[in-house]
Amino acid sequence: MNKTILSIGLLLVLAILLVACGQSKENTSEITEIKSSDNQEVSELTNKEKAVAVLESLESGEKESIENFVNSEKYIQHNLSFENGREGLTGSLEYLKSIGTKVEVKRVIEEGDLIAVHSEYELNGPKAIFDIFRFENGKIVEHWDNIQEIVTDTANGHTMLDGETDIKDVDKTAENKVLVENFVKDVLMGQNPDKLTSYFDGDHYIQHNPFIADGLSGLGKALEEWAKQGITMQYDKVHLVVAEGNFVLTVSEGTLGGAHTSFYDLFRVENGKIAEHWDILETIPAEDEWENSNGKF
């Protein structure tokens, strides 16, 4: 009798233990799923979102996004004011925050492993900036940029950063890219200047260069006035083109008024014609002033 009671007692204990273990496994499974979900959410950030998060770090001073999204072993820096490598970026955060750096992203375009960001910065005064990031395996491994002080009194009534922002006609990306590349070569590099008018819909052309009025007529007047002042603008080489839908960004090297210059030109294409243009021009410093040896391009 006692043995029977003992056996039943042992069975009850075992049953309780088995239920408890089962509940424990269920809880563990739930926790694992939550962790997996969190990890999945992080891993599913797009390259666009990662690039923007890194730029926002310049304002917040927090290192987390840079440490998460910038490759620690390979980060090629083309901003000649920064040291090479990820440490050059994280090492600047305290200073950038101390001077009240602000970043307001206006446009983000993506082609392959390249992300181009068009932003307004507060960086020792208002600046218009293009940043380009190259990704490998989900991490940023290379960065280029161009910076220009914002001019508020413009010849066209627009700001240097306002205008259309919506990406459209993604299926026409390759076609629009070819159009803009040909325009830069034919017109800006002077290979076929007689083709100028073929790239535009009459005089309908929105201009964001602060010194040039809208339309082809505005461009012509500006170039004529510069010529009278002895100011020449020469494009020598296109280094990089990033396109998504109706937006195409070209990165070129040349001279402006005799100074070695980096030209970043963003074009919006509509119905096969160039409809809108933003640019940022930056004088390239002498090599003995560079903080890294990677060059501007």
C-alpha atoms as a PDB file:
ATOM      1  CA  MET A   1       0.000   0.000   0.000  1.00  0.00           C
ATOM      2  CA  ASN A   2       2.752   2.377   0.948  1.00  0.00           C
ATOM      3  CA  LYS A   3       4.661   1.451  -2.192  1.00  0.00           C
ATOM      4  CA  THR A   4       1.586   2.206  -4.307  1.00  0.00           C
ATOM      5  CA  ILE A   5       1.123   5.604  -2.687  1.00  0.00           C
ATOM      6  CA  LEU A   6       4.822   6.320  -3.166  1.00  0.00           C
ATOM      7  CA  SER A   7       4.646   5.357  -6.831  1.00  0.00           C
ATOM      8  CA  ILE A   8       1.632   7.600  -7.422  1.00  0.00           C
ATOM      9  CA  GLY A   9       3.414  10.440  -5.627  1.00  0.00           C
ATOM     10  CA  LEU A  10       6.503  10.032  -7.781  1.00  0.00           C
ATOM     11  CA  LEU A  11       4.381  10.014 -10.922  1.00  0.00           C
ATOM     12  CA  LEU A  12       2.662  13.222  -9.853  1.00  0.00           C
ATOM     13  CA  VAL A  13       6.016  14.892  -9.176  1.00  0.00           C
ATOM     14  CA  LEU A  14       7.337  13.801 -12.553  1.00  0.00           C
ATOM     15  CA  ALA A  15       4.196  15.079 -14.261  1.00  0.00           C
ATOM     16  CA  ILE A  16       4.537  18.450 -12.556  1.00  0.00           C
ATOM     17  CA  LEU A  17       8.200  18.634 -13.549  1.00  0.00           C
ATOM     18  CA  LEU A  18       7.401  17.744 -17.157  1.00  0.00           C
ATOM     19  CA  VAL A  19       4.707  20.449 -17.366  1.00  0.00           C
ATOM     20  CA  ALA A  20       7.064  22.975 -15.821  1.00  0.00           C
ATOM     21  CA  CYS A  21       9.817  22.054 -18.292  1.00  0.00           C
ATOM     22  CA  GLY A  22       7.359  22.357 -21.139  1.00  0.00           C
ATOM     23  CA  GLN A  23       6.268  25.808 -19.987  1.00  0.00           C
ATOM     24  CA  SER A  24       9.912  26.793 -19.562  1.00  0.00           C
ATOM     25  CA  LYS A  25      10.666  25.714 -23.120  1.00  0.00           C
ATOM     26  CA  GLU A  26       7.646  27.631 -24.392  1.00  0.00           C
ATOM     27  CA  ASN A  27       8.824  30.769 -22.581  1.00  0.00           C
ATOM     28  CA  THR A  28      12.340  30.286 -23.877  1.00  0.00           C
ATOM     29  CA  SER A  29      10.966  29.879 -27.388  1.00  0.00           C
ATOM     30  CA  GLU A  30       8.979  33.094 -27.022  1.00  0.00           C
ATOM     31  CA  ILE A  31      12.060  34.968 -25.802  1.00  0.00           C
ATOM     32  CA  THR A  32      14.107  33.545 -28.661  1.00  0.00           C
ATOM     33  CA  GLU A  33      11.454  34.630 -31.142  1.00  0.00           C
ATOM     34  CA  ILE A  34      11.422  38.154 -29.692  1.00  0.00           C
ATOM     35  CA  LYS A  35      15.194  38.371 -29.895  1.00  0.00           C
ATOM     36  CA  SER A  36      15.124  36.970 -33.396  1.00  0.00           C
ATOM     37  CA  SER A  37      12.475  39.510 -34.346  1.00  0.00           C
ATOM     38  CA  ASP A  38      14.539  42.366 -32.903  1.00  0.00           C
ATOM     39  CA  ASN A  39      17.646  41.198 -34.730  1.00  0.00           C
ATOM     40  CA  GLN A  40      15.657  40.820 -37.924  1.00  0.00           C
ATOM     41  CA  GLU A  41      14.313  44.345 -37.568  1.00  0.00           C
ATOM     42  CA  VAL A  42      17.829  45.730 -37.259  1.00  0.00           C
ATOM     43  CA  SER A  43      19.165  43.656 -40.130  1.00  0.00           C
ATOM     44  CA  GLU A  44      16.288  44.742 -42.337  1.00  0.00           C
ATOM     45  CA  LEU A  45      17.222  48.417 -42.199  1.00  0.00           C
ATOM     46  CA  THR A  46      17.805  49.568 -45.759  1.00  0.00           C
ATOM     47  CA  ASN A  47      21.098  51.056 -46.866  1.00  0.00           C
ATOM     48  CA  LYS A  48      19.272  54.371 -47.237  1.00  0.00           C
ATOM     49  CA  GLU A  49      18.174  54.207 -43.597  1.00  0.00           C
ATOM     50  CA  LYS A  50      21.667  53.268 -42.454  1.00  0.00           C
ATOM     51  CA  ALA A  51      23.234  56.175 -44.356  1.00  0.00           C
ATOM     52  CA  VAL A  52      20.759  58.642 -42.855  1.00  0.00           C
ATOM     53  CA  ALA A  53      21.342  57.213 -39.363  1.00  0.00           C
ATOM     54  CA  VAL A  54      25.087  57.764 -39.719  1.00  0.00           C
ATOM     55  CA  LEU A  55      24.522  61.383 -40.786  1.00  0.00           C
ATOM     56  CA  GLU A  56      22.178  61.933 -37.847  1.00  0.00           C
ATOM     57  CA  SER A  57      25.021  60.796 -35.572  1.00  0.00           C
ATOM     58  CA  LEU A  58      26.913  63.942 -36.562  1.00  0.00           C
ATOM     59  CA  GLU A  59      24.127  65.904 -34.873  1.00  0.00           C
ATOM     60  CA  SER A  60      23.468  63.649 -31.872  1.00  0.00           C
ATOM     61  CA  GLY A  61      27.086  62.799 -31.097  1.00  0.00           C
ATOM     62  CA  GLU A  62      26.088  59.158 -30.518  1.00  0.00           C
ATOM     63  CA  LYS A  63      28.483  56.519 -31.872  1.00  0.00           C
ATOM     64  CA  GLU A  64      26.033  53.611 -32.089  1.00  0.00           C
ATOM     65  CA  SER A  65      24.940  54.024 -35.718  1.00  0.00           C
ATOM     66  CA  ILE A  66      28.508  54.579 -36.898  1.00  0.00           C
ATOM     67  CA  GLU A  67      29.708  51.507 -35.008  1.00  0.00           C
ATOM     68  CA  ASN A  68      26.809  49.434 -36.362  1.00  0.00           C
ATOM     69  CA  PHE A  69      26.844  50.551 -39.991  1.00  0.00           C
ATOM     70  CA  VAL A  70      30.410  51.645 -40.810  1.00  0.00           C
ATOM     71  CA  ASN A  71      33.012  48.947 -41.418  1.00  0.00           C
ATOM     72  CA  SER A  72      35.612  49.038 -38.645  1.00  0.00           C
ATOM     73  CA  GLU A  73      38.422  47.607 -40.765  1.00  0.00           C
ATOM     74  CA  LYS A  74      37.793  49.360 -44.075  1.00  0.00           C
ATOM     75  CA  TYR A  75      36.451  52.897 -44.366  1.00  0.00           C
ATOM     76  CA  ILE A  76      37.919  54.971 -47.176  1.00  0.00           C
ATOM     77  CA  GLN A  77      37.397  58.662 -46.505  1.00  0.00           C
ATOM     78  CA  HIS A  78      37.409  61.214 -49.337  1.00  0.00           C
ATOM     79  CA  ASN A  79      36.489  64.238 -47.256  1.00  0.00           C
ATOM     80  CA  LEU A  80      39.987  65.688 -47.113  1.00  0.00           C
ATOM     81  CA  SER A  81      39.365  67.327 -43.723  1.00  0.00           C
ATOM     82  CA  PHE A  82      38.945  63.943 -41.990  1.00  0.00           C
ATOM     83  CA  GLU A  83      41.465  61.262 -41.182  1.00  0.00           C
ATOM     84  CA  ASN A  84      41.009  57.918 -42.893  1.00  0.00           C
ATOM     85  CA  GLY A  85      39.125  55.079 -41.186  1.00  0.00           C
ATOM     86  CA  ARG A  86      36.084  54.856 -38.945  1.00  0.00           C
ATOM     87  CA  GLU A  87      37.991  56.354 -36.027  1.00  0.00           C
ATOM     88  CA  GLY A  88      38.381  59.593 -37.953  1.00  0.00           C
ATOM     89  CA  LEU A  89      34.601  59.827 -38.046  1.00  0.00           C
ATOM     90  CA  THR A  90      33.841  58.828 -34.472  1.00  0.00           C
ATOM     91  CA  GLY A  91      36.680  61.031 -33.238  1.00  0.00           C
ATOM     92  CA  SER A  92      34.969  64.096 -34.687  1.00  0.00           C
ATOM     93  CA  LEU A  93      31.572  63.561 -33.026  1.00  0.00           C
ATOM     94  CA  GLU A  94      32.283  65.450 -29.820  1.00  0.00           C
ATOM     95  CA  TYR A  95      33.499  68.507 -31.722  1.00  0.00           C
ATOM     96  CA  LEU A  96      30.615  68.406 -34.211  1.00  0.00           C
ATOM     97  CA  LYS A  97      28.069  68.247 -31.402  1.00  0.00           C
ATOM     98  CA  SER A  98      29.817  71.060 -29.511  1.00  0.00           C
ATOM     99  CA  ILE A  99      29.423  73.473 -32.447  1.00  0.00           C
ATOM    100  CA  GLY A 100      25.700  72.680 -32.760  1.00  0.00           C
ATOM    101  CA  THR A 101      25.802  70.601 -35.947  1.00  0.00           C
ATOM    102  CA  LYS A 102      22.361  69.939 -37.447  1.00  0.00           C
ATOM    103  CA  VAL A 103      21.463  67.713 -40.400  1.00  0.00           C
ATOM    104  CA  GLU A 104      18.231  67.941 -42.404  1.00  0.00           C
ATOM    105  CA  VAL A 105      18.025  65.357 -45.165  1.00  0.00           C
ATOM    106  CA  LYS A 106      16.187  66.460 -48.311  1.00  0.00           C
ATOM    107  CA  ARG A 107      16.739  63.649 -50.838  1.00  0.00           C
ATOM    108  CA  VAL A 108      18.154  60.133 -50.811  1.00  0.00           C
ATOM    109  CA  ILE A 109      18.815  58.159 -53.978  1.00  0.00           C
ATOM    110  CA  GLU A 110      20.190  54.653 -54.375  1.00  0.00           C
ATOM    111  CA  GLU A 111      21.872  52.748 -57.161  1.00  0.00           C
ATOM    112  CA  GLY A 112      23.397  49.371 -56.428  1.00  0.00           C
ATOM    113  CA  ASP A 113      25.773  49.692 -53.483  1.00  0.00           C
ATOM    114  CA  LEU A 114      25.805  53.514 -53.619  1.00  0.00           C
ATOM    115  CA  ILE A 115      23.627  55.856 -51.558  1.00  0.00           C
ATOM    116  CA  ALA A 116      23.619  59.599 -52.292  1.00  0.00           C
ATOM    117  CA  VAL A 117      22.148  61.990 -49.718  1.00  0.00           C
ATOM    118  CA  HIS A 118      21.320  65.657 -50.380  1.00  0.00           C
ATOM    119  CA  SER A 119      21.103  67.624 -47.122  1.00  0.00           C
ATOM    120  CA  GLU A 120      21.128  70.981 -45.417  1.00  0.00           C
ATOM    121  CA  TYR A 121      23.615  71.186 -42.555  1.00  0.00           C
ATOM    122  CA  GLU A 122      24.187  73.698 -39.821  1.00  0.00           C
ATOM    123  CA  LEU A 123      27.970  73.382 -39.690  1.00  0.00           C
ATOM    124  CA  ASN A 124      29.629  76.632 -38.664  1.00  0.00           C
ATOM    125  CA  GLY A 125      26.882  78.280 -40.682  1.00  0.00           C
ATOM    126  CA  PRO A 126      24.309  76.860 -43.132  1.00  0.00           C
ATOM    127  CA  LYS A 127      25.740  74.472 -45.731  1.00  0.00           C
ATOM    128  CA  ALA A 128      24.387  72.479 -48.658  1.00  0.00           C
ATOM    129  CA  ILE A 129      26.000  69.039 -48.784  1.00  0.00           C
ATOM    130  CA  PHE A 130      25.996  65.908 -50.900  1.00  0.00           C
ATOM    131  CA  ASP A 131      27.193  62.723 -49.171  1.00  0.00           C
ATOM    132  CA  ILE A 132      27.801  59.498 -51.078  1.00  0.00           C
ATOM    133  CA  PHE A 133      28.285  56.183 -49.278  1.00  0.00           C
ATOM    134  CA  ARG A 134      29.435  52.886 -50.772  1.00  0.00           C
ATOM    135  CA  PHE A 135      28.286  49.710 -49.032  1.00  0.00           C
ATOM    136  CA  GLU A 136      29.749  46.220 -48.893  1.00  0.00           C
ATOM    137  CA  ASN A 137      27.826  43.435 -47.132  1.00  0.00           C
ATOM    138  CA  GLY A 138      25.556  45.944 -45.419  1.00  0.00           C
ATOM    139  CA  LYS A 139      28.372  48.135 -44.064  1.00  0.00           C
ATOM    140  CA  ILE A 140      29.678  51.486 -45.309  1.00  0.00           C
ATOM    141  CA  VAL A 141      33.211  51.159 -46.659  1.00  0.00           C
ATOM    142  CA  GLU A 142      33.717  54.431 -48.564  1.00  0.00           C
ATOM    143  CA  HIS A 143      32.503  58.031 -48.415  1.00  0.00           C
ATOM    144  CA  TRP A 144      32.646  61.084 -50.672  1.00  0.00           C
ATOM    145  CA  ASP A 145      31.073  64.512 -50.159  1.00  0.00           C
ATOM    146  CA  ASN A 146      30.869  68.071 -51.457  1.00  0.00           C
ATOM    147  CA  ILE A 147      30.120  71.112 -49.307  1.00  0.00           C
ATOM    148  CA  GLN A 148      29.088  74.665 -50.157  1.00  0.00           C
ATOM    149  CA  GLU A 149      27.905  77.582 -48.070  1.00  0.00           C
ATOM    150  CA  ILE A 150      24.237  78.315 -48.639  1.00  0.00           C
ATOM    151  CA  VAL A 151      23.451  81.507 -50.516  1.00  0.00           C
ATOM    152  CA  THR A 152      20.041  82.875 -49.511  1.00  0.00           C
ATOM    153  CA  ASP A 153      19.701  85.748 -52.018  1.00  0.00           C
ATOM    154  CA  THR A 154      19.374  83.724 -55.218  1.00  0.00           C
ATOM    155  CA  ALA A 155      19.018  84.765 -58.847  1.00  0.00           C
ATOM    156  CA  ASN A 156      16.099  82.374 -59.411  1.00  0.00           C
ATOM    157  CA  GLY A 157      13.987  82.812 -56.272  1.00  0.00           C
ATOM    158  CA  HIS A 158      14.521  79.191 -55.204  1.00  0.00           C
ATOM    159  CA  THR A 159      16.692  77.937 -52.388  1.00  0.00           C
ATOM    160  CA  MET A 160      19.669  75.699 -53.016  1.00  0.00           C
ATOM    161  CA  LEU A 161      17.759  72.697 -51.626  1.00  0.00           C
ATOM    162  CA  ASP A 162      14.022  73.133 -52.198  1.00  0.00           C
ATOM    163  CA  GLY A 163      12.088  71.626 -55.096  1.00  0.00           C
ATOM    164  CA  GLU A 164      10.913  68.159 -56.074  1.00  0.00           C
ATOM    165  CA  THR A 165      11.809  65.267 -53.776  1.00  0.00           C
ATOM    166  CA  ASP A 166       9.674  62.318 -54.939  1.00  0.00           C
ATOM    167  CA  ILE A 167      11.455  59.520 -56.763  1.00  0.00           C
ATOM    168  CA  LYS A 168       9.467  58.479 -59.832  1.00  0.00           C
ATOM    169  CA  ASP A 169       9.960  56.489 -63.047  1.00  0.00           C
ATOM    170  CA  VAL A 170      12.275  53.923 -61.468  1.00  0.00           C
ATOM    171  CA  ASP A 171      11.849  51.818 -64.613  1.00  0.00           C
ATOM    172  CA  LYS A 172      13.535  54.645 -66.560  1.00  0.00           C
ATOM    173  CA  THR A 173      16.633  54.843 -64.348  1.00  0.00           C
ATOM    174  CA  ALA A 174      19.069  53.539 -66.997  1.00  0.00           C
ATOM    175  CA  GLU A 175      17.555  55.733 -69.713  1.00  0.00           C
ATOM    176  CA  ASN A 176      17.708  58.873 -67.559  1.00  0.00           C
ATOM    177  CA  LYS A 177      21.256  58.083 -66.486  1.00  0.00           C
ATOM    178  CA  VAL A 178      22.418  57.902 -70.096  1.00  0.00           C
ATOM    179  CA  LEU A 179      20.626  61.169 -70.895  1.00  0.00           C
ATOM    180  CA  VAL A 180      22.347  63.063 -68.079  1.00  0.00           C
ATOM    181  CA  GLU A 181      25.770  61.529 -68.724  1.00  0.00           C
ATOM    182  CA  ASN A 182      25.504  62.575 -72.358  1.00  0.00           C
ATOM    183  CA  PHE A 183      24.451  66.091 -71.338  1.00  0.00           C
ATOM    184  CA  VAL A 184      27.471  66.466 -69.083  1.00  0.00           C
ATOM    185  CA  LYS A 185      29.814  65.272 -71.831  1.00  0.00           C
ATOM    186  CA  ASP A 186      28.154  67.140 -74.705  1.00  0.00           C
ATOM    187  CA  VAL A 187      27.478  70.450 -72.960  1.00  0.00           C
ATOM    188  CA  LEU A 188      29.414  70.811 -69.704  1.00  0.00           C
ATOM    189  CA  MET A 189      32.555  69.151 -71.075  1.00  0.00           C
ATOM    190  CA  GLY A 190      32.040  70.872 -74.432  1.00  0.00           C
ATOM    191  CA  GLN A 191      32.169  67.815 -76.676  1.00  0.00           C
ATOM    192  CA  ASN A 192      28.972  68.702 -78.580  1.00  0.00           C
ATOM    193  CA  PRO A 193      27.732  72.089 -77.317  1.00  0.00           C
ATOM    194  CA  ASP A 194      25.307  72.493 -80.237  1.00  0.00           C
ATOM    195  CA  LYS A 195      23.136  69.791 -78.647  1.00  0.00           C
ATOM    196  CA  LEU A 196      22.324  72.022 -75.654  1.00  0.00           C
ATOM    197  CA  THR A 197      18.689  72.754 -76.503  1.00  0.00           C
ATOM    198  CA  SER A 198      17.895  69.082 -77.262  1.00  0.00           C
ATOM    199  CA  TYR A 199      18.205  68.233 -73.563  1.00  0.00           C
ATOM    200  CA  PHE A 200      15.483  70.652 -72.422  1.00  0.00           C
ATOM    201  CA  ASP A 201      11.794  71.304 -72.966  1.00  0.00           C
ATOM    202  CA  GLY A 202      12.138  74.789 -74.378  1.00  0.00           C
ATOM    203  CA  ASP A 203      12.919  77.284 -71.627  1.00  0.00           C
ATOM    204  CA  HIS A 204      11.234  75.174 -68.905  1.00  0.00           C
ATOM    205  CA  TYR A 205      14.078  74.490 -66.515  1.00  0.00           C
ATOM    206  CA  ILE A 206      14.110  74.990 -62.730  1.00  0.00           C
ATOM    207  CA  GLN A 207      17.507  76.136 -61.513  1.00  0.00           C
ATOM    208  CA  HIS A 208      18.810  75.928 -57.932  1.00  0.00           C
ATOM    209  CA  ASN A 209      22.313  77.249 -58.527  1.00  0.00           C
ATOM    210  CA  PRO A 210      21.954  80.501 -56.565  1.00  0.00           C
ATOM    211  CA  PHE A 211      23.750  82.595 -59.192  1.00  0.00           C
ATOM    212  CA  ILE A 212      21.735  81.476 -62.241  1.00  0.00           C
ATOM    213  CA  ALA A 213      18.137  82.338 -63.153  1.00  0.00           C
ATOM    214  CA  ASP A 214      15.585  79.739 -64.263  1.00  0.00           C
ATOM    215  CA  GLY A 215      15.472  78.451 -67.813  1.00  0.00           C
ATOM    216  CA  LEU A 216      18.070  78.023 -70.521  1.00  0.00           C
ATOM    217  CA  SER A 217      17.896  81.763 -71.010  1.00  0.00           C
ATOM    218  CA  GLY A 218      19.018  82.235 -67.408  1.00  0.00           C
ATOM    219  CA  LEU A 219      21.920  79.842 -67.897  1.00  0.00           C
ATOM    220  CA  GLY A 220      22.979  81.628 -71.079  1.00  0.00           C
ATOM    221  CA  LYS A 221      22.917  85.040 -69.407  1.00  0.00           C
ATOM    222  CA  ALA A 222      24.954  83.799 -66.444  1.00  0.00           C
ATOM    223  CA  LEU A 223      27.634  82.235 -68.653  1.00  0.00           C
ATOM    224  CA  GLU A 224      27.786  85.395 -70.733  1.00  0.00           C
ATOM    225  CA  GLU A 225      28.212  87.546 -67.626  1.00  0.00           C
ATOM    226  CA  TRP A 226      30.901  85.253 -66.234  1.00  0.00           C
ATOM    227  CA  ALA A 227      32.784  85.400 -69.520  1.00  0.00           C
ATOM    228  CA  LYS A 228      32.804  89.213 -69.326  1.00  0.00           C
ATOM    229  CA  GLN A 229      34.348  88.917 -65.865  1.00  0.00           C
ATOM    230  CA  GLY A 230      36.914  86.406 -67.061  1.00  0.00           C
ATOM    231  CA  ILE A 231      35.345  83.577 -65.026  1.00  0.00           C
ATOM    232  CA  THR A 232      35.496  80.234 -66.809  1.00  0.00           C
ATOM    233  CA  MET A 233      33.898  76.946 -65.777  1.00  0.00           C
ATOM    234  CA  GLN A 234      35.440  73.790 -67.182  1.00  0.00           C
ATOM    235  CA  TYR A 235      34.456  70.178 -66.612  1.00  0.00           C
ATOM    236  CA  ASP A 236      37.338  67.779 -67.335  1.00  0.00           C
ATOM    237  CA  LYS A 237      36.234  64.363 -66.068  1.00  0.00           C
ATOM    238  CA  VAL A 238      33.161  62.568 -64.730  1.00  0.00           C
ATOM    239  CA  HIS A 239      34.156  60.329 -61.832  1.00  0.00           C
ATOM    240  CA  LEU A 240      30.856  58.934 -60.575  1.00  0.00           C
ATOM    241  CA  VAL A 241      27.173  58.809 -61.509  1.00  0.00           C
ATOM    242  CA  VAL A 242      24.376  57.700 -59.157  1.00  0.00           C
ATOM    243  CA  ALA A 243      20.844  57.402 -60.513  1.00  0.00           C
ATOM    244  CA  GLU A 244      17.440  56.345 -59.256  1.00  0.00           C
ATOM    245  CA  GLY A 245      14.340  56.965 -61.320  1.00  0.00           C
ATOM    246  CA  ASN A 246      14.022  60.623 -62.249  1.00  0.00           C
ATOM    247  CA  PHE A 247      17.099  61.733 -60.250  1.00  0.00           C
ATOM    248  CA  VAL A 248      20.671  61.517 -61.533  1.00  0.00           C
ATOM    249  CA  LEU A 249      23.718  62.774 -59.610  1.00  0.00           C
ATOM    250  CA  THR A 250      27.038  63.306 -61.399  1.00  0.00           C
ATOM    251  CA  VAL A 251      30.395  63.854 -59.689  1.00  0.00           C
ATOM    252  CA  SER A 252      32.899  65.684 -61.864  1.00  0.00           C
ATOM    253  CA  GLU A 253      36.313  67.302 -61.679  1.00  0.00           C
ATOM    254  CA  GLY A 254      37.349  70.524 -63.335  1.00  0.00           C
ATOM    255  CA  THR A 255      38.100  74.177 -62.717  1.00  0.00           C
ATOM    256  CA  LEU A 256      36.077  77.250 -61.836  1.00  0.00           C
ATOM    257  CA  GLY A 257      37.811  80.580 -62.278  1.00  0.00           C
ATOM    258  CA  GLY A 258      41.068  78.654 -62.532  1.00  0.00           C
ATOM    259  CA  ALA A 259      40.607  76.885 -59.170  1.00  0.00           C
ATOM    260  CA  HIS A 260      40.659  73.090 -58.972  1.00  0.00           C
ATOM    261  CA  THR A 261      36.994  72.248 -58.312  1.00  0.00           C
ATOM    262  CA  SER A 262      34.735  69.314 -57.486  1.00  0.00           C
ATOM    263  CA  PHE A 263      31.310  69.579 -59.180  1.00  0.00           C
ATOM    264  CA  TYR A 264      28.324  67.651 -57.832  1.00  0.00           C
ATOM    265  CA  ASP A 265      25.281  68.124 -60.105  1.00  0.00           C
ATOM    266  CA  LEU A 266      21.863  66.634 -59.377  1.00  0.00           C
ATOM    267  CA  PHE A 267      19.389  66.560 -62.250  1.00  0.00           C
ATOM    268  CA  ARG A 268      15.691  65.722 -62.253  1.00  0.00           C
ATOM    269  CA  VAL A 269      14.459  64.278 -65.532  1.00  0.00           C
ATOM    270  CA  GLU A 270      10.871  64.544 -66.719  1.00  0.00           C
ATOM    271  CA  ASN A 271       9.532  63.052 -69.949  1.00  0.00           C
ATOM    272  CA  GLY A 272      13.020  62.532 -71.312  1.00  0.00           C
ATOM    273  CA  LYS A 273      14.183  66.114 -70.684  1.00  0.00           C
ATOM    274  CA  ILE A 274      16.168  67.775 -67.910  1.00  0.00           C
ATOM    275  CA  ALA A 275      13.619  69.648 -65.805  1.00  0.00           C
ATOM    276  CA  GLU A 276      15.443  70.675 -62.613  1.00  0.00           C
ATOM    277  CA  HIS A 277      19.013  71.103 -61.395  1.00  0.00           C
ATOM    278  CA  TRP A 278      20.821  71.445 -58.070  1.00  0.00           C
ATOM    279  CA  ASP A 279      24.568  71.693 -57.639  1.00  0.00           C
ATOM    280  CA  ILE A 280      27.268  71.971 -55.005  1.00  0.00           C
ATOM    281  CA  LEU A 281      30.701  73.262 -55.953  1.00  0.00           C
ATOM    282  CA  GLU A 282      33.739  72.920 -53.731  1.00  0.00           C
ATOM    283  CA  THR A 283      37.290  74.104 -54.264  1.00  0.00           C
ATOM    284  CA  ILE A 284      39.723  71.223 -53.745  1.00  0.00           C
ATOM    285  CA  PRO A 285      42.472  72.178 -51.284  1.00  0.00           C
ATOM    286  CA  ALA A 286      46.175  71.792 -52.019  1.00  0.00           C
ATOM    287  CA  GLU A 287      47.481  68.303 -51.272  1.00  0.00           C
ATOM    288  CA  ASP A 288      49.636  69.469 -48.367  1.00  0.00           C
ATOM    289  CA  GLU A 289      46.416  70.430 -46.552  1.00  0.00           C
ATOM    290  CA  TRP A 290      44.812  66.972 -46.806  1.00  0.00           C
ATOM    291  CA  GLU A 291      44.157  64.916 -43.657  1.00  0.00           C
ATOM    292  CA  ASN A 292      44.114  61.692 -45.681  1.00  0.00           C
ATOM    293  CA  SER A 293      45.793  60.511 -48.882  1.00  0.00           C
ATOM    294  CA  ASN A 294      42.720  59.149 -50.661  1.00  0.00           C
ATOM    295  CA  GLY A 295      42.055  62.171 -52.859  1.00  0.00           C
ATOM    296  CA  LYS A 296      38.749  63.921 -53.459  1.00  0.00           C
ATOM    297  CA  PHE A 297      37.449  61.344 -55.941  1.00  0.00           C
END
